[in-house]
Amino acid sequence: MKIPAFHPEVAEKVATAFVKATGARWSFPRVDMQDKGTFMLISVDAISPDVREVAHSIKESITLALNEVIPSHPSQKFGNWMVVFFHEGKMYETVHPSEFHP
């Protein structure tokens, strides 16, 4: 049985949803398809050197926005996306859909 992958247009919707959900506080997100196109790794860089954490309310906003535009995938039982925040090339925070339940 072949597992269908996300349509490439979903990546554009994800990037737009992230920017709207965060008020453009980070760089424009990079969206990489992984696991044969069934998982999205979304990476962003801190724009301000003072950024060291992501507020709970922003994480929740990101989760709600991305869950609206990323369809669930049967092969990813614990969520099919993850946002990774970087500062000067080092990861300092992540957001995953399992952190919040709508």
N, C-alpha and C. Protein backbone atom coordinates (compact mmCIF):
# COMPACT_ATOMS: atom_id res chain seq x y z
N MET A 1 0.84 -1.18 0.00
CA MET A 1 0.00 0.00 0.00
C MET A 1 0.89 1.25 0.00
N LYS A 2 0.63 2.16 -0.90
CA LYS A 2 1.39 3.40 -0.99
C LYS A 2 0.75 4.46 -0.10
N ILE A 3 1.58 5.12 0.71
CA ILE A 3 1.10 6.18 1.60
C ILE A 3 1.18 7.50 0.83
N PRO A 4 0.06 8.20 0.65
CA PRO A 4 0.11 9.46 -0.10
C PRO A 4 0.89 10.54 0.65
N ALA A 5 1.62 11.31 -0.12
CA ALA A 5 2.40 12.41 0.45
C ALA A 5 1.59 13.70 0.41
N PHE A 6 2.05 14.71 1.17
CA PHE A 6 1.41 16.02 1.13
C PHE A 6 1.57 16.61 -0.25
N HIS A 7 0.61 17.36 -0.68
CA HIS A 7 0.71 18.10 -1.93
C HIS A 7 1.68 19.26 -1.70
N PRO A 8 2.57 19.57 -2.66
CA PRO A 8 3.55 20.65 -2.47
C PRO A 8 2.94 22.01 -2.11
N GLU A 9 1.71 22.28 -2.53
CA GLU A 9 1.08 23.56 -2.20
C GLU A 9 0.85 23.72 -0.69
N VAL A 10 0.79 22.61 0.02
CA VAL A 10 0.59 22.68 1.47
C VAL A 10 1.75 23.42 2.13
N ALA A 11 2.96 23.24 1.63
CA ALA A 11 4.13 23.92 2.21
C ALA A 11 3.97 25.44 2.14
N GLU A 12 3.44 25.95 1.04
CA GLU A 12 3.20 27.39 0.92
C GLU A 12 2.17 27.85 1.94
N LYS A 13 1.12 27.08 2.11
CA LYS A 13 0.08 27.43 3.08
C LYS A 13 0.64 27.41 4.50
N VAL A 14 1.52 26.47 4.77
CA VAL A 14 2.14 26.36 6.09
C VAL A 14 2.97 27.59 6.39
N ALA A 15 3.80 28.00 5.44
CA ALA A 15 4.65 29.18 5.64
C ALA A 15 3.80 30.42 5.90
N THR A 16 2.76 30.60 5.12
CA THR A 16 1.87 31.75 5.29
C THR A 16 1.17 31.71 6.64
N ALA A 17 0.67 30.54 7.03
CA ALA A 17 -0.03 30.39 8.31
C ALA A 17 0.90 30.69 9.48
N PHE A 18 2.16 30.23 9.38
CA PHE A 18 3.13 30.48 10.45
C PHE A 18 3.37 31.98 10.61
N VAL A 19 3.60 32.67 9.51
CA VAL A 19 3.88 34.11 9.57
C VAL A 19 2.70 34.86 10.18
N LYS A 20 1.48 34.50 9.78
CA LYS A 20 0.29 35.15 10.34
C LYS A 20 0.13 34.84 11.82
N ALA A 21 0.39 33.62 12.22
CA ALA A 21 0.21 33.22 13.61
C ALA A 21 1.22 33.85 14.55
N THR A 22 2.38 34.21 14.02
CA THR A 22 3.44 34.74 14.88
C THR A 22 3.66 36.23 14.72
N GLY A 23 2.93 36.88 13.85
CA GLY A 23 3.13 38.31 13.64
C GLY A 23 4.50 38.60 13.05
N ALA A 24 5.03 37.66 12.28
CA ALA A 24 6.33 37.81 11.61
C ALA A 24 7.46 38.11 12.58
N ARG A 25 7.46 37.46 13.73
CA ARG A 25 8.51 37.66 14.73
C ARG A 25 9.80 36.90 14.41
N TRP A 26 9.71 35.94 13.48
CA TRP A 26 10.87 35.13 13.10
C TRP A 26 11.06 35.22 11.60
N SER A 27 12.12 34.63 11.11
CA SER A 27 12.38 34.61 9.67
C SER A 27 11.26 33.86 8.95
N PHE A 28 11.19 34.05 7.64
CA PHE A 28 10.22 33.29 6.85
C PHE A 28 10.60 31.81 7.00
N PRO A 29 9.64 30.95 7.31
CA PRO A 29 9.96 29.56 7.61
C PRO A 29 10.41 28.75 6.39
N ARG A 30 11.33 27.83 6.65
CA ARG A 30 11.72 26.83 5.66
C ARG A 30 10.91 25.59 5.96
N VAL A 31 10.28 25.03 4.95
CA VAL A 31 9.45 23.84 5.13
C VAL A 31 10.08 22.69 4.35
N ASP A 32 10.50 21.67 5.08
CA ASP A 32 11.12 20.50 4.46
C ASP A 32 10.21 19.30 4.66
N MET A 33 9.95 18.59 3.57
CA MET A 33 9.16 17.36 3.63
C MET A 33 10.09 16.22 4.01
N GLN A 34 9.65 15.40 4.96
CA GLN A 34 10.43 14.25 5.39
C GLN A 34 9.54 13.02 5.44
N ASP A 35 10.13 11.87 5.73
CA ASP A 35 9.38 10.60 5.80
C ASP A 35 8.51 10.39 4.57
N LYS A 36 9.15 10.46 3.42
CA LYS A 36 8.46 10.25 2.14
C LYS A 36 7.31 11.22 1.93
N GLY A 37 7.50 12.45 2.42
CA GLY A 37 6.49 13.49 2.22
C GLY A 37 5.31 13.44 3.16
N THR A 38 5.43 12.72 4.28
CA THR A 38 4.31 12.62 5.23
C THR A 38 4.53 13.43 6.51
N PHE A 39 5.69 14.06 6.65
CA PHE A 39 6.02 14.85 7.84
C PHE A 39 6.68 16.15 7.38
N MET A 40 6.30 17.27 8.01
CA MET A 40 6.88 18.57 7.68
C MET A 40 7.74 19.07 8.82
N LEU A 41 8.99 19.37 8.50
CA LEU A 41 9.89 20.00 9.45
C LEU A 41 9.97 21.47 9.07
N ILE A 42 9.52 22.33 9.97
CA ILE A 42 9.45 23.76 9.72
C ILE A 42 10.52 24.43 10.57
N SER A 43 11.46 25.11 9.92
CA SER A 43 12.59 25.74 10.62
C SER A 43 12.52 27.25 10.47
N VAL A 44 12.78 27.95 11.58
CA VAL A 44 12.79 29.42 11.55
C VAL A 44 13.98 29.93 12.36
N ASP A 45 14.47 31.10 11.97
CA ASP A 45 15.58 31.73 12.67
C ASP A 45 15.10 32.95 13.42
N ALA A 46 15.66 33.17 14.61
CA ALA A 46 15.33 34.36 15.39
C ALA A 46 15.85 35.59 14.65
N ILE A 47 15.03 36.61 14.58
CA ILE A 47 15.43 37.87 13.94
C ILE A 47 16.17 38.74 14.94
N SER A 48 15.69 38.75 16.17
CA SER A 48 16.29 39.55 17.23
C SER A 48 17.29 38.72 18.02
N PRO A 49 18.45 39.27 18.36
CA PRO A 49 19.42 38.53 19.16
C PRO A 49 18.95 38.28 20.59
N ASP A 50 17.92 38.99 21.03
CA ASP A 50 17.42 38.83 22.39
C ASP A 50 16.43 37.68 22.54
N VAL A 51 15.98 37.09 21.44
CA VAL A 51 14.99 36.03 21.50
C VAL A 51 15.63 34.75 22.02
N ARG A 52 15.08 34.23 23.09
CA ARG A 52 15.60 32.99 23.67
C ARG A 52 14.51 31.98 24.00
N GLU A 53 13.25 32.40 23.91
CA GLU A 53 12.16 31.49 24.19
C GLU A 53 10.92 31.91 23.40
N VAL A 54 9.98 30.99 23.29
CA VAL A 54 8.73 31.25 22.58
C VAL A 54 7.61 31.18 23.61
N ALA A 55 6.85 32.24 23.73
CA ALA A 55 5.76 32.30 24.71
C ALA A 55 4.73 31.20 24.45
N HIS A 56 4.15 30.71 25.52
CA HIS A 56 3.13 29.66 25.44
C HIS A 56 1.99 30.07 24.50
N SER A 57 1.55 31.31 24.58
CA SER A 57 0.44 31.77 23.73
C SER A 57 0.82 31.74 22.25
N ILE A 58 2.07 32.04 21.94
CA ILE A 58 2.54 31.99 20.55
C ILE A 58 2.59 30.54 20.07
N LYS A 59 3.09 29.65 20.93
CA LYS A 59 3.12 28.23 20.57
C LYS A 59 1.71 27.71 20.27
N GLU A 60 0.77 28.13 21.10
CA GLU A 60 -0.61 27.70 20.90
C GLU A 60 -1.17 28.27 19.59
N SER A 61 -0.87 29.52 19.31
CA SER A 61 -1.31 30.15 18.06
C SER A 61 -0.72 29.42 16.85
N ILE A 62 0.55 29.08 16.93
CA ILE A 62 1.21 28.33 15.84
C ILE A 62 0.52 26.98 15.64
N THR A 63 0.28 26.29 16.74
CA THR A 63 -0.34 24.96 16.66
C THR A 63 -1.72 25.04 16.02
N LEU A 64 -2.53 25.98 16.45
CA LEU A 64 -3.87 26.12 15.88
C LEU A 64 -3.81 26.44 14.39
N ALA A 65 -2.92 27.36 14.01
CA ALA A 65 -2.80 27.77 12.61
C ALA A 65 -2.32 26.62 11.73
N LEU A 66 -1.30 25.90 12.19
CA LEU A 66 -0.76 24.83 11.36
C LEU A 66 -1.69 23.63 11.28
N ASN A 67 -2.39 23.35 12.37
CA ASN A 67 -3.35 22.24 12.32
C ASN A 67 -4.48 22.51 11.34
N GLU A 68 -4.77 23.79 11.09
CA GLU A 68 -5.81 24.14 10.12
C GLU A 68 -5.36 23.90 8.68
N VAL A 69 -4.08 24.07 8.39
CA VAL A 69 -3.62 23.97 7.00
C VAL A 69 -2.89 22.67 6.68
N ILE A 70 -2.45 21.93 7.69
CA ILE A 70 -1.76 20.66 7.44
C ILE A 70 -2.73 19.52 7.73
N PRO A 71 -3.11 18.78 6.70
CA PRO A 71 -4.03 17.67 6.93
C PRO A 71 -3.36 16.57 7.75
N SER A 72 -4.14 15.89 8.56
CA SER A 72 -3.58 14.79 9.35
C SER A 72 -3.13 13.70 8.38
N HIS A 73 -2.19 12.90 8.84
CA HIS A 73 -1.68 11.83 7.99
C HIS A 73 -1.68 10.53 8.80
N PRO A 74 -2.27 9.47 8.25
CA PRO A 74 -2.41 8.22 9.02
C PRO A 74 -1.09 7.58 9.43
N SER A 75 0.00 7.87 8.73
CA SER A 75 1.28 7.25 9.08
C SER A 75 2.00 7.98 10.22
N GLN A 76 1.49 9.14 10.62
CA GLN A 76 2.13 9.94 11.68
C GLN A 76 1.19 10.02 12.88
N LYS A 77 1.27 9.03 13.75
CA LYS A 77 0.33 8.92 14.87
C LYS A 77 0.46 10.03 15.91
N PHE A 78 1.65 10.62 16.04
CA PHE A 78 1.87 11.62 17.09
C PHE A 78 1.99 13.04 16.54
N GLY A 79 1.60 13.22 15.30
CA GLY A 79 1.67 14.53 14.69
C GLY A 79 2.53 14.49 13.44
N ASN A 80 2.17 15.31 12.48
CA ASN A 80 2.86 15.26 11.20
C ASN A 80 3.64 16.53 10.87
N TRP A 81 3.96 17.30 11.90
CA TRP A 81 4.78 18.49 11.70
C TRP A 81 5.50 18.84 12.99
N MET A 82 6.54 19.65 12.84
CA MET A 82 7.29 20.16 13.99
C MET A 82 7.94 21.46 13.57
N VAL A 83 7.90 22.46 14.44
CA VAL A 83 8.58 23.72 14.20
C VAL A 83 9.82 23.75 15.09
N VAL A 84 10.95 24.09 14.48
CA VAL A 84 12.21 24.19 15.21
C VAL A 84 12.71 25.64 15.10
N PHE A 85 12.97 26.25 16.23
CA PHE A 85 13.44 27.64 16.29
C PHE A 85 14.95 27.65 16.51
N PHE A 86 15.64 28.47 15.70
CA PHE A 86 17.10 28.56 15.78
C PHE A 86 17.53 29.98 16.10
N HIS A 87 18.65 30.08 16.80
CA HIS A 87 19.32 31.36 17.03
C HIS A 87 20.80 31.12 16.80
N GLU A 88 21.37 31.83 15.84
CA GLU A 88 22.78 31.68 15.48
C GLU A 88 23.14 30.23 15.23
N GLY A 89 22.24 29.53 14.52
CA GLY A 89 22.51 28.15 14.13
C GLY A 89 22.25 27.10 15.19
N LYS A 90 21.81 27.51 16.38
CA LYS A 90 21.56 26.56 17.46
C LYS A 90 20.07 26.52 17.78
N MET A 91 19.55 25.32 17.92
CA MET A 91 18.14 25.16 18.25
C MET A 91 17.91 25.59 19.70
N TYR A 92 16.83 26.39 19.89
CA TYR A 92 16.52 26.80 21.26
C TYR A 92 15.09 26.49 21.67
N GLU A 93 14.24 26.07 20.73
CA GLU A 93 12.84 25.81 21.07
C GLU A 93 12.20 24.98 19.96
N THR A 94 11.17 24.22 20.32
CA THR A 94 10.39 23.47 19.33
C THR A 94 8.90 23.59 19.65
N VAL A 95 8.09 23.34 18.65
CA VAL A 95 6.64 23.24 18.83
C VAL A 95 6.20 22.03 18.03
N HIS A 96 5.37 21.19 18.65
CA HIS A 96 4.87 19.98 18.04
C HIS A 96 3.38 19.90 18.31
N PRO A 97 2.59 19.37 17.38
CA PRO A 97 1.14 19.37 17.57
C PRO A 97 0.66 18.60 18.80
N SER A 98 1.45 17.67 19.28
CA SER A 98 1.02 16.91 20.46
C SER A 98 1.05 17.73 21.75
N GLU A 99 1.67 18.92 21.70
CA GLU A 99 1.72 19.78 22.88
C GLU A 99 0.36 20.38 23.23
N PHE A 100 -0.50 20.51 22.24
CA PHE A 100 -1.81 21.12 22.44
C PHE A 100 -2.87 20.24 21.78
N HIS A 101 -3.95 20.11 22.45
CA HIS A 101 -5.05 19.32 21.88
C HIS A 101 -6.22 20.25 21.67
N PRO A 102 -6.64 20.40 20.38
CA PRO A 102 -7.75 21.36 20.10
C PRO A 102 -9.06 20.95 20.75
